[in-house]
C-alpha atoms as a PDB file:
ATOM      1  CA  MET A   1     -23.988  -4.555  27.061  1.00  0.00           C
ATOM      2  CA  SER A   2     -22.708  -1.181  28.253  1.00  0.00           C
ATOM      3  CA  ARG A   3     -21.517   1.217  25.559  1.00  0.00           C
ATOM      4  CA  VAL A   4     -19.093   2.801  28.022  1.00  0.00           C
ATOM      5  CA  MET A   5     -15.637   1.248  28.310  1.00  0.00           C
ATOM      6  CA  PHE A   6     -14.542   3.137  31.414  1.00  0.00           C
ATOM      7  CA  THR A   7     -14.641   6.574  33.028  1.00  0.00           C
ATOM      8  CA  ILE A   8     -11.685   8.635  34.242  1.00  0.00           C
ATOM      9  CA  GLY A   9     -12.849  11.675  36.189  1.00  0.00           C
ATOM     10  CA  PRO A  10     -14.970  13.796  33.831  1.00  0.00           C
ATOM     11  CA  PHE A  11     -13.884  11.786  30.785  1.00  0.00           C
ATOM     12  CA  THR A  12     -15.909   8.849  29.515  1.00  0.00           C
ATOM     13  CA  ILE A  13     -14.360   6.410  27.045  1.00  0.00           C
ATOM     14  CA  HIS A  14     -17.015   4.795  24.842  1.00  0.00           C
ATOM     15  CA  ILE A  15     -16.457   1.415  23.219  1.00  0.00           C
ATOM     16  CA  TYR A  16     -17.224   2.773  19.757  1.00  0.00           C
ATOM     17  CA  GLY A  17     -14.785   5.650  20.170  1.00  0.00           C
ATOM     18  CA  LEU A  18     -12.065   3.252  21.312  1.00  0.00           C
ATOM     19  CA  PHE A  19     -12.520   0.947  18.312  1.00  0.00           C
ATOM     20  CA  LEU A  20     -12.639   3.963  16.005  1.00  0.00           C
ATOM     21  CA  ALA A  21      -9.310   5.160  17.393  1.00  0.00           C
ATOM     22  CA  ILE A  22      -7.795   1.678  17.002  1.00  0.00           C
ATOM     23  CA  ALA A  23      -9.104   1.496  13.426  1.00  0.00           C
ATOM     24  CA  PHE A  24      -7.550   4.835  12.478  1.00  0.00           C
ATOM     25  CA  ALA A  25      -4.262   4.027  14.223  1.00  0.00           C
ATOM     26  CA  SER A  26      -3.999   0.612  12.540  1.00  0.00           C
ATOM     27  CA  GLY A  27      -4.779   2.080   9.137  1.00  0.00           C
ATOM     28  CA  ILE A  28      -2.227   4.854   9.543  1.00  0.00           C
ATOM     29  CA  ILE A  29       0.512   2.456  10.690  1.00  0.00           C
ATOM     30  CA  LEU A  30      -0.127   0.146   7.733  1.00  0.00           C
ATOM     31  CA  ALA A  31      -0.235   3.036   5.262  1.00  0.00           C
ATOM     32  CA  TYR A  32       2.957   4.501   6.728  1.00  0.00           C
ATOM     33  CA  ARG A  33       4.786   1.198   6.275  1.00  0.00           C
ATOM     34  CA  ARG A  34       3.488   0.765   2.726  1.00  0.00           C
ATOM     35  CA  CYS A  35       4.475   4.313   1.784  1.00  0.00           C
ATOM     36  CA  ALA A  36       7.965   3.839   3.219  1.00  0.00           C
ATOM     37  CA  ALA A  37       8.380   0.522   1.373  1.00  0.00           C
ATOM     38  CA  LYS A  38       7.227   2.011  -1.947  1.00  0.00           C
ATOM     39  CA  GLY A  39       9.417   5.103  -1.687  1.00  0.00           C
ATOM     40  CA  PHE A  40       6.589   7.572  -1.115  1.00  0.00           C
ATOM     41  CA  SER A  41       7.666  10.651   0.881  1.00  0.00           C
ATOM     42  CA  VAL A  42       7.060   9.886   4.560  1.00  0.00           C
ATOM     43  CA  ASP A  43       6.574  13.574   5.374  1.00  0.00           C
ATOM     44  CA  ARG A  44       3.968  13.919   2.645  1.00  0.00           C
ATOM     45  CA  ALA A  45       2.323  10.723   3.848  1.00  0.00           C
ATOM     46  CA  LEU A  46       1.968  12.035   7.407  1.00  0.00           C
ATOM     47  CA  ASP A  47       0.447  15.286   6.148  1.00  0.00           C
ATOM     48  CA  LEU A  48      -1.935  13.340   3.933  1.00  0.00           C
ATOM     49  CA  PHE A  49      -2.997  11.112   6.852  1.00  0.00           C
ATOM     50  CA  ILE A  50      -3.997  14.190   8.836  1.00  0.00           C
ATOM     51  CA  VAL A  51      -6.027  15.496   5.891  1.00  0.00           C
ATOM     52  CA  ILE A  52      -7.728  12.114   5.443  1.00  0.00           C
ATOM     53  CA  LEU A  53      -8.495  11.778   9.149  1.00  0.00           C
ATOM     54  CA  GLY A  54     -10.154  15.170   9.378  1.00  0.00           C
ATOM     55  CA  SER A  55     -12.040  15.074   6.074  1.00  0.00           C
ATOM     56  CA  SER A  56     -13.290  11.503   6.570  1.00  0.00           C
ATOM     57  CA  VAL A  57     -14.719  12.185  10.035  1.00  0.00           C
ATOM     58  CA  VAL A  58     -16.427  15.364   8.834  1.00  0.00           C
ATOM     59  CA  GLY A  59     -17.840  13.624   5.759  1.00  0.00           C
ATOM     60  CA  ALA A  60     -19.033  10.588   7.713  1.00  0.00           C
ATOM     61  CA  ARG A  61     -20.826  12.732  10.272  1.00  0.00           C
ATOM     62  CA  LEU A  62     -22.368  15.081   7.714  1.00  0.00           C
ATOM     63  CA  LEU A  63     -23.910  12.244   5.721  1.00  0.00           C
ATOM     64  CA  PHE A  64     -25.326  10.702   8.911  1.00  0.00           C
ATOM     65  CA  VAL A  65     -26.891  14.048   9.836  1.00  0.00           C
ATOM     66  CA  LEU A  66     -28.344  14.399   6.329  1.00  0.00           C
ATOM     67  CA  VAL A  67     -29.971  10.954   6.255  1.00  0.00           C
ATOM     68  CA  SER A  68     -31.020  10.909   9.936  1.00  0.00           C
ATOM     69  CA  PRO A  69     -31.772  14.528  10.935  1.00  0.00           C
ATOM     70  CA  GLN A  70     -34.451  13.433  13.408  1.00  0.00           C
ATOM     71  CA  VAL A  71     -31.748  12.126  15.742  1.00  0.00           C
ATOM     72  CA  PHE A  72     -30.512  15.659  16.444  1.00  0.00           C
ATOM     73  CA  LEU A  73     -33.748  17.651  16.558  1.00  0.00           C
ATOM     74  CA  ASN A  74     -34.025  17.618  20.354  1.00  0.00           C
ATOM     75  CA  ASP A  75     -30.294  17.801  21.026  1.00  0.00           C
ATOM     76  CA  PRO A  76     -28.317  19.516  18.214  1.00  0.00           C
ATOM     77  CA  LEU A  77     -25.084  19.361  20.224  1.00  0.00           C
ATOM     78  CA  ARG A  78     -25.069  15.582  19.705  1.00  0.00           C
ATOM     79  CA  ILE A  79     -23.774  16.303  16.215  1.00  0.00           C
ATOM     80  CA  ILE A  80     -20.248  16.615  17.614  1.00  0.00           C
ATOM     81  CA  ARG A  81     -20.458  13.464  19.788  1.00  0.00           C
ATOM     82  CA  ILE A  82     -18.934  11.080  17.268  1.00  0.00           C
ATOM     83  CA  ASP A  83     -17.624   8.874  20.081  1.00  0.00           C
ATOM     84  CA  GLN A  84     -21.176   7.595  20.563  1.00  0.00           C
ATOM     85  CA  GLY A  85     -21.564   6.392  16.982  1.00  0.00           C
ATOM     86  CA  GLY A  86     -23.417   7.883  14.044  1.00  0.00           C
ATOM     87  CA  LEU A  87     -20.867   7.832  11.229  1.00  0.00           C
ATOM     88  CA  VAL A  88     -21.781   6.795   7.685  1.00  0.00           C
ATOM     89  CA  PHE A  89     -18.835   5.137   5.971  1.00  0.00           C
ATOM     90  CA  PHE A  90     -19.638   6.373   2.483  1.00  0.00           C
ATOM     91  CA  GLY A  91     -19.754   9.935   3.790  1.00  0.00           C
ATOM     92  CA  GLY A  92     -16.312   9.383   5.276  1.00  0.00           C
ATOM     93  CA  LEU A  93     -15.065   7.867   2.020  1.00  0.00           C
ATOM     94  CA  ILE A  94     -16.361  10.805  -0.016  1.00  0.00           C
ATOM     95  CA  GLY A  95     -14.824  13.255   2.443  1.00  0.00           C
ATOM     96  CA  ALA A  96     -11.489  11.415   2.424  1.00  0.00           C
ATOM     97  CA  ILE A  97     -11.428  11.257  -1.382  1.00  0.00           C
ATOM     98  CA  ALA A  98     -12.206  14.961  -1.710  1.00  0.00           C
ATOM     99  CA  GLY A  99      -9.585  15.932   0.859  1.00  0.00           C
ATOM    100  CA  SER A 100      -6.972  13.614  -0.659  1.00  0.00           C
ATOM    101  CA  ILE A 101      -7.498  14.820  -4.226  1.00  0.00           C
ATOM    102  CA  LEU A 102      -7.204  18.452  -3.162  1.00  0.00           C
ATOM    103  CA  TYR A 103      -4.000  17.705  -1.240  1.00  0.00           C
ATOM    104  CA  LEU A 104      -2.424  15.570  -3.974  1.00  0.00           C
ATOM    105  CA  ARG A 105      -3.254  18.035  -6.741  1.00  0.00           C
ATOM    106  CA  TYR A 106      -1.919  20.933  -4.699  1.00  0.00           C
ATOM    107  CA  HIS A 107       1.407  19.142  -4.240  1.00  0.00           C
ATOM    108  CA  GLY A 108       1.488  17.660  -7.746  1.00  0.00           C
ATOM    109  CA  LEU A 109       1.429  14.036  -6.558  1.00  0.00           C
ATOM    110  CA  PRO A 110      -0.040  11.073  -8.521  1.00  0.00           C
ATOM    111  CA  ILE A 111      -3.598  10.233  -7.465  1.00  0.00           C
ATOM    112  CA  LEU A 112      -4.094   6.609  -8.559  1.00  0.00           C
ATOM    113  CA  SER A 113      -0.759   5.217  -7.391  1.00  0.00           C
ATOM    114  CA  THR A 114      -1.171   6.998  -4.046  1.00  0.00           C
ATOM    115  CA  ALA A 115      -4.676   5.568  -3.705  1.00  0.00           C
ATOM    116  CA  ASP A 116      -3.259   2.086  -4.313  1.00  0.00           C
ATOM    117  CA  LEU A 117      -0.925   2.612  -1.365  1.00  0.00           C
ATOM    118  CA  LEU A 118      -3.635   3.759   1.024  1.00  0.00           C
ATOM    119  CA  ILE A 119      -6.725   1.715   0.122  1.00  0.00           C
ATOM    120  CA  PRO A 120      -5.728  -1.488   2.010  1.00  0.00           C
ATOM    121  CA  SER A 121      -5.671   0.625   5.174  1.00  0.00           C
ATOM    122  CA  VAL A 122      -9.308   1.510   4.557  1.00  0.00           C
ATOM    123  CA  SER A 123     -10.366  -2.151   4.527  1.00  0.00           C
ATOM    124  CA  LEU A 124      -8.346  -2.908   7.645  1.00  0.00           C
ATOM    125  CA  GLY A 125      -9.850   0.087   9.430  1.00  0.00           C
ATOM    126  CA  GLN A 126     -13.355  -0.947   8.388  1.00  0.00           C
ATOM    127  CA  ALA A 127     -12.852  -4.472   9.702  1.00  0.00           C
ATOM    128  CA  ILE A 128     -11.904  -3.072  13.106  1.00  0.00           C
ATOM    129  CA  GLY A 129     -14.518  -0.323  13.054  1.00  0.00           C
ATOM    130  CA  ARG A 130     -17.377  -2.752  12.424  1.00  0.00           C
ATOM    131  CA  LEU A 131     -16.409  -4.617  15.580  1.00  0.00           C
ATOM    132  CA  GLY A 132     -16.912  -1.306  17.352  1.00  0.00           C
ATOM    133  CA  CYS A 133     -20.392  -1.130  15.836  1.00  0.00           C
ATOM    134  CA  HIS A 134     -21.142  -4.584  17.228  1.00  0.00           C
ATOM    135  CA  PHE A 135     -20.116  -3.737  20.782  1.00  0.00           C
ATOM    136  CA  ASN A 136     -21.786  -0.334  20.541  1.00  0.00           C
ATOM    137  CA  GLY A 137     -25.076  -1.888  19.446  1.00  0.00           C
ATOM    138  CA  CYS A 138     -25.390   0.234  16.291  1.00  0.00           C
ATOM    139  CA  CYS A 139     -25.670  -0.794  12.621  1.00  0.00           C
ATOM    140  CA  TYR A 140     -27.375  -3.957  13.872  1.00  0.00           C
ATOM    141  CA  GLY A 141     -29.034  -6.646  11.795  1.00  0.00           C
ATOM    142  CA  ILE A 142     -32.557  -7.819  11.148  1.00  0.00           C
ATOM    143  CA  ASP A 143     -34.574  -9.754  13.722  1.00  0.00           C
ATOM    144  CA  TRP A 144     -32.939 -13.163  13.957  1.00  0.00           C
ATOM    145  CA  HIS A 145     -33.563 -16.177  16.167  1.00  0.00           C
ATOM    146  CA  GLY A 146     -31.208 -18.566  14.412  1.00  0.00           C
ATOM    147  CA  PRO A 147     -27.551 -19.439  15.063  1.00  0.00           C
ATOM    148  CA  PHE A 148     -25.139 -16.698  16.165  1.00  0.00           C
ATOM    149  CA  ALA A 149     -27.936 -14.261  17.048  1.00  0.00           C
ATOM    150  CA  CYS A 150     -26.700 -11.329  19.133  1.00  0.00           C
ATOM    151  CA  HIS A 151     -28.648  -9.376  21.738  1.00  0.00           C
ATOM    152  CA  VAL A 152     -29.165  -5.655  21.174  1.00  0.00           C
ATOM    153  CA  ALA A 153     -30.757  -3.369  23.758  1.00  0.00           C
ATOM    154  CA  ASP A 154     -33.422  -0.889  22.689  1.00  0.00           C
ATOM    155  CA  SER A 155     -31.965   2.614  22.249  1.00  0.00           C
ATOM    156  CA  VAL A 156     -34.754   4.158  24.350  1.00  0.00           C
ATOM    157  CA  ASN A 157     -35.572   1.431  26.878  1.00  0.00           C
ATOM    158  CA  SER A 158     -32.421  -0.552  27.657  1.00  0.00           C
ATOM    159  CA  ALA A 159     -34.506  -3.128  29.527  1.00  0.00           C
ATOM    160  CA  MET A 160     -35.904  -4.287  26.180  1.00  0.00           C
ATOM    161  CA  VAL A 161     -33.491  -6.593  24.367  1.00  0.00           C
ATOM    162  CA  TYR A 162     -33.865  -7.936  20.826  1.00  0.00           C
ATOM    163  CA  GLN A 163     -32.203 -10.800  19.000  1.00  0.00           C
ATOM    164  CA  ARG A 164     -30.494  -9.600  15.852  1.00  0.00           C
ATOM    165  CA  PHE A 165     -28.494 -11.035  12.987  1.00  0.00           C
ATOM    166  CA  PRO A 166     -24.774 -10.310  13.619  1.00  0.00           C
ATOM    167  CA  VAL A 167     -24.372  -8.296  10.428  1.00  0.00           C
ATOM    168  CA  GLN A 168     -21.604  -6.159  11.961  1.00  0.00           C
ATOM    169  CA  ILE A 169     -19.472  -9.260  12.546  1.00  0.00           C
ATOM    170  CA  LEU A 170     -20.162 -10.505   9.025  1.00  0.00           C
ATOM    171  CA  SER A 171     -19.259  -7.076   7.672  1.00  0.00           C
ATOM    172  CA  SER A 172     -16.014  -7.130   9.650  1.00  0.00           C
ATOM    173  CA  VAL A 173     -15.123 -10.545   8.228  1.00  0.00           C
ATOM    174  CA  ALA A 174     -15.985  -9.379   4.700  1.00  0.00           C
ATOM    175  CA  ASN A 175     -13.741  -6.331   5.046  1.00  0.00           C
ATOM    176  CA  LEU A 176     -10.929  -8.467   6.408  1.00  0.00           C
ATOM    177  CA  ALA A 177     -11.289 -10.773   3.393  1.00  0.00           C
ATOM    178  CA  ILE A 178     -11.206  -7.773   1.036  1.00  0.00           C
ATOM    179  CA  PHE A 179      -8.091  -6.557   2.849  1.00  0.00           C
ATOM    180  CA  GLY A 180      -6.384  -9.895   2.178  1.00  0.00           C
ATOM    181  CA  ILE A 181      -7.414  -9.874  -1.479  1.00  0.00           C
ATOM    182  CA  LEU A 182      -6.070  -6.354  -1.960  1.00  0.00           C
ATOM    183  CA  LEU A 183      -2.699  -7.307  -0.490  1.00  0.00           C
ATOM    184  CA  TYR A 184      -2.584 -10.309  -2.827  1.00  0.00           C
ATOM    185  CA  MET A 185      -3.453  -8.076  -5.788  1.00  0.00           C
ATOM    186  CA  ASP A 186      -0.664  -5.718  -4.752  1.00  0.00           C
ATOM    187  CA  ARG A 187       1.874  -8.510  -5.284  1.00  0.00           C
ATOM    188  CA  LYS A 188       0.798  -8.670  -8.933  1.00  0.00           C
ATOM    189  CA  GLN A 189       0.452  -4.923  -9.470  1.00  0.00           C
ATOM    190  CA  SER A 190       0.541  -4.185 -13.217  1.00  0.00           C
ATOM    191  CA  TRP A 191      -1.129  -0.766 -13.586  1.00  0.00           C
ATOM    192  CA  ASN A 192      -1.883   2.239 -11.417  1.00  0.00           C
ATOM    193  CA  GLY A 193      -5.360   2.124  -9.926  1.00  0.00           C
ATOM    194  CA  LYS A 194      -5.593  -1.678  -9.800  1.00  0.00           C
ATOM    195  CA  ILE A 195      -5.911  -1.844  -5.996  1.00  0.00           C
ATOM    196  CA  LEU A 196      -8.308   1.100  -5.975  1.00  0.00           C
ATOM    197  CA  THR A 197     -10.642  -0.429  -8.552  1.00  0.00           C
ATOM    198  CA  GLY A 198     -10.481  -3.799  -6.809  1.00  0.00           C
ATOM    199  CA  TYR A 199     -11.604  -2.171  -3.591  1.00  0.00           C
ATOM    200  CA  MET A 200     -14.353  -0.164  -5.291  1.00  0.00           C
ATOM    201  CA  ILE A 201     -15.868  -3.284  -6.838  1.00  0.00           C
ATOM    202  CA  LEU A 202     -15.394  -5.704  -3.933  1.00  0.00           C
ATOM    203  CA  TYR A 203     -16.519  -3.405  -1.151  1.00  0.00           C
ATOM    204  CA  SER A 204     -19.495  -2.064  -3.084  1.00  0.00           C
ATOM    205  CA  ALA A 205     -20.721  -5.587  -3.846  1.00  0.00           C
ATOM    206  CA  SER A 206     -20.259  -6.581  -0.210  1.00  0.00           C
ATOM    207  CA  ARG A 207     -21.976  -3.477   1.167  1.00  0.00           C
ATOM    208  CA  PHE A 208     -24.890  -3.712  -1.264  1.00  0.00           C
ATOM    209  CA  SER A 209     -25.541  -7.321  -0.232  1.00  0.00           C
ATOM    210  CA  LEU A 210     -25.113  -6.862   3.520  1.00  0.00           C
ATOM    211  CA  GLU A 211     -27.471  -3.882   3.582  1.00  0.00           C
ATOM    212  CA  PHE A 212     -30.352  -6.337   3.103  1.00  0.00           C
ATOM    213  CA  LEU A 213     -29.444  -7.854   6.482  1.00  0.00           C
ATOM    214  CA  ARG A 214     -29.446  -4.509   8.313  1.00  0.00           C
ATOM    215  CA  GLY A 215     -32.308  -3.818  10.711  1.00  0.00           C
ATOM    216  CA  ASP A 216     -31.386  -0.382  12.037  1.00  0.00           C
ATOM    217  CA  ASP A 217     -32.902   2.911  10.932  1.00  0.00           C
ATOM    218  CA  ARG A 218     -30.863   4.134   7.963  1.00  0.00           C
ATOM    219  CA  GLY A 219     -32.913   7.184   7.061  1.00  0.00           C
ATOM    220  CA  LEU A 220     -33.770   7.717   3.407  1.00  0.00           C
ATOM    221  CA  PHE A 221     -34.673   4.919   0.987  1.00  0.00           C
ATOM    222  CA  VAL A 222     -35.181   4.904  -2.769  1.00  0.00           C
ATOM    223  CA  GLY A 223     -37.757   2.187  -3.273  1.00  0.00           C
ATOM    224  CA  PRO A 224     -36.358  -0.947  -1.606  1.00  0.00           C
ATOM    225  CA  PHE A 225     -32.800   0.385  -1.611  1.00  0.00           C
ATOM    226  CA  SER A 226     -31.022   2.415   1.059  1.00  0.00           C
ATOM    227  CA  VAL A 227     -28.878   5.434   0.251  1.00  0.00           C
ATOM    228  CA  SER A 228     -25.789   3.295   0.908  1.00  0.00           C
ATOM    229  CA  GLN A 229     -26.951   0.729  -1.649  1.00  0.00           C
ATOM    230  CA  ILE A 230     -27.481   3.418  -4.279  1.00  0.00           C
ATOM    231  CA  ILE A 231     -24.005   4.789  -3.582  1.00  0.00           C
ATOM    232  CA  SER A 232     -22.617   1.232  -3.698  1.00  0.00           C
ATOM    233  CA  LEU A 233     -24.032   0.670  -7.172  1.00  0.00           C
ATOM    234  CA  CYS A 234     -22.602   3.978  -8.412  1.00  0.00           C
ATOM    235  CA  ILE A 235     -19.152   3.204  -6.990  1.00  0.00           C
ATOM    236  CA  MET A 236     -19.233  -0.332  -8.408  1.00  0.00           C
ATOM    237  CA  VAL A 237     -20.047   0.942 -11.905  1.00  0.00           C
ATOM    238  CA  ALA A 238     -17.352   3.626 -11.608  1.00  0.00           C
ATOM    239  CA  GLY A 239     -14.853   0.985 -10.470  1.00  0.00           C
ATOM    240  CA  ILE A 240     -15.662  -1.307 -13.393  1.00  0.00           C
ATOM    241  CA  LEU A 241     -15.386   1.542 -15.922  1.00  0.00           C
ATOM    242  CA  LEU A 242     -12.086   2.701 -14.417  1.00  0.00           C
ATOM    243  CA  MET A 243     -10.736  -0.854 -14.483  1.00  0.00           C
ATOM    244  CA  ILE A 244     -11.682  -1.304 -18.151  1.00  0.00           C
ATOM    245  CA  SER A 245     -10.139   2.048 -19.070  1.00  0.00           C
ATOM    246  CA  LYS A 246      -6.857   1.468 -17.212  1.00  0.00           C
ATOM    247  CA  ARG A 247      -6.461  -2.096 -18.483  1.00  0.00           C
ATOM    248  CA  LYS A 248      -7.021  -0.892 -22.035  1.00  0.00           C
ATOM    249  CA  GLN A 249      -4.396   1.820 -21.574  1.00  0.00           C
ATOM    250  CA  ASN A 250      -1.998  -0.728 -20.099  1.00  0.00           C
ATOM    251  CA  ASP A 251      -2.538  -3.149 -23.003  1.00  0.00           C
ATOM    252  CA  GLU A 252      -1.981  -0.374 -25.549  1.00  0.00           C
ATOM    253  CA  ARG A 253       1.201   0.709 -23.767  1.00  0.00           C
ATOM    254  CA  SER A 254       2.476  -2.876 -23.698  1.00  0.00           C
ATOM    255  CA  GLU A 255       1.743  -3.240 -27.406  1.00  0.00           C
ATOM    256  CA  VAL A 256       3.669  -0.059 -28.222  1.00  0.00           C
ATOM    257  CA  ILE A 257       6.642  -1.236 -26.154  1.00  0.00           C
ATOM    258  CA  ALA A 258       6.561  -4.647 -27.851  1.00  0.00           C
ATOM    259  CA  GLN A 259       6.486  -3.071 -31.306  1.00  0.00           C
ATOM    260  CA  ALA A 260       9.339  -0.723 -30.407  1.00  0.00           C
ATOM    261  CA  GLY A 261      11.418  -3.653 -29.205  1.00  0.00           C
ATOM    262  CA  SER A 262      10.843  -5.641 -32.376  1.00  0.00           C
END
């Protein structure tokens, strides 16, 4: 399968770059509509989207370079060719979080409630982005000769084709399911940070599990676990602790209100 969608003069449109653009556009449109519906400043939202877009791409690329430096030894300029793949989601998430916190603190805006507005867009974008990984032939699965096996060409010799487990498709489906769960949780929103913690726990559990089905080179490992799995565990624990803390605060607040009303 060709990784190039089409060429217009000197410009080449890669499949991965196209799906990445669709993922960002879909996420921004959804977030814009959610912000407008919840009364969040549309102007602030647009500024924040720009910050998130830039910081997430930089973070995603930097983490990929850190865990897979050998890819760029012979051609350092490839670092800027993000349209060809090579983005680590957790790097993008860390970059987006850092950029968002700086922006929100600077403008005195609430962090958790804003995160609740934006997080569903992340899951939707991931679901679309993983389809781009599938068509690009990156982030592929382990050797697999069972049902639904997909064919992935060797990165060096395209004539060599391997059968792989369609982990990108499964990841896309998992993210779409998480997206649906988050929207359902939003209908029963009871405390700030609920959607954020739900995402932290659900996505981390999904990513940790699916990493065992990955067959591509993911750089550094700590024992049997990849860097992404270690980060997943940390985020899952942080999500659980945040959930416990916020629920406790919410229960205490409800108790105070009940006592005041009696």
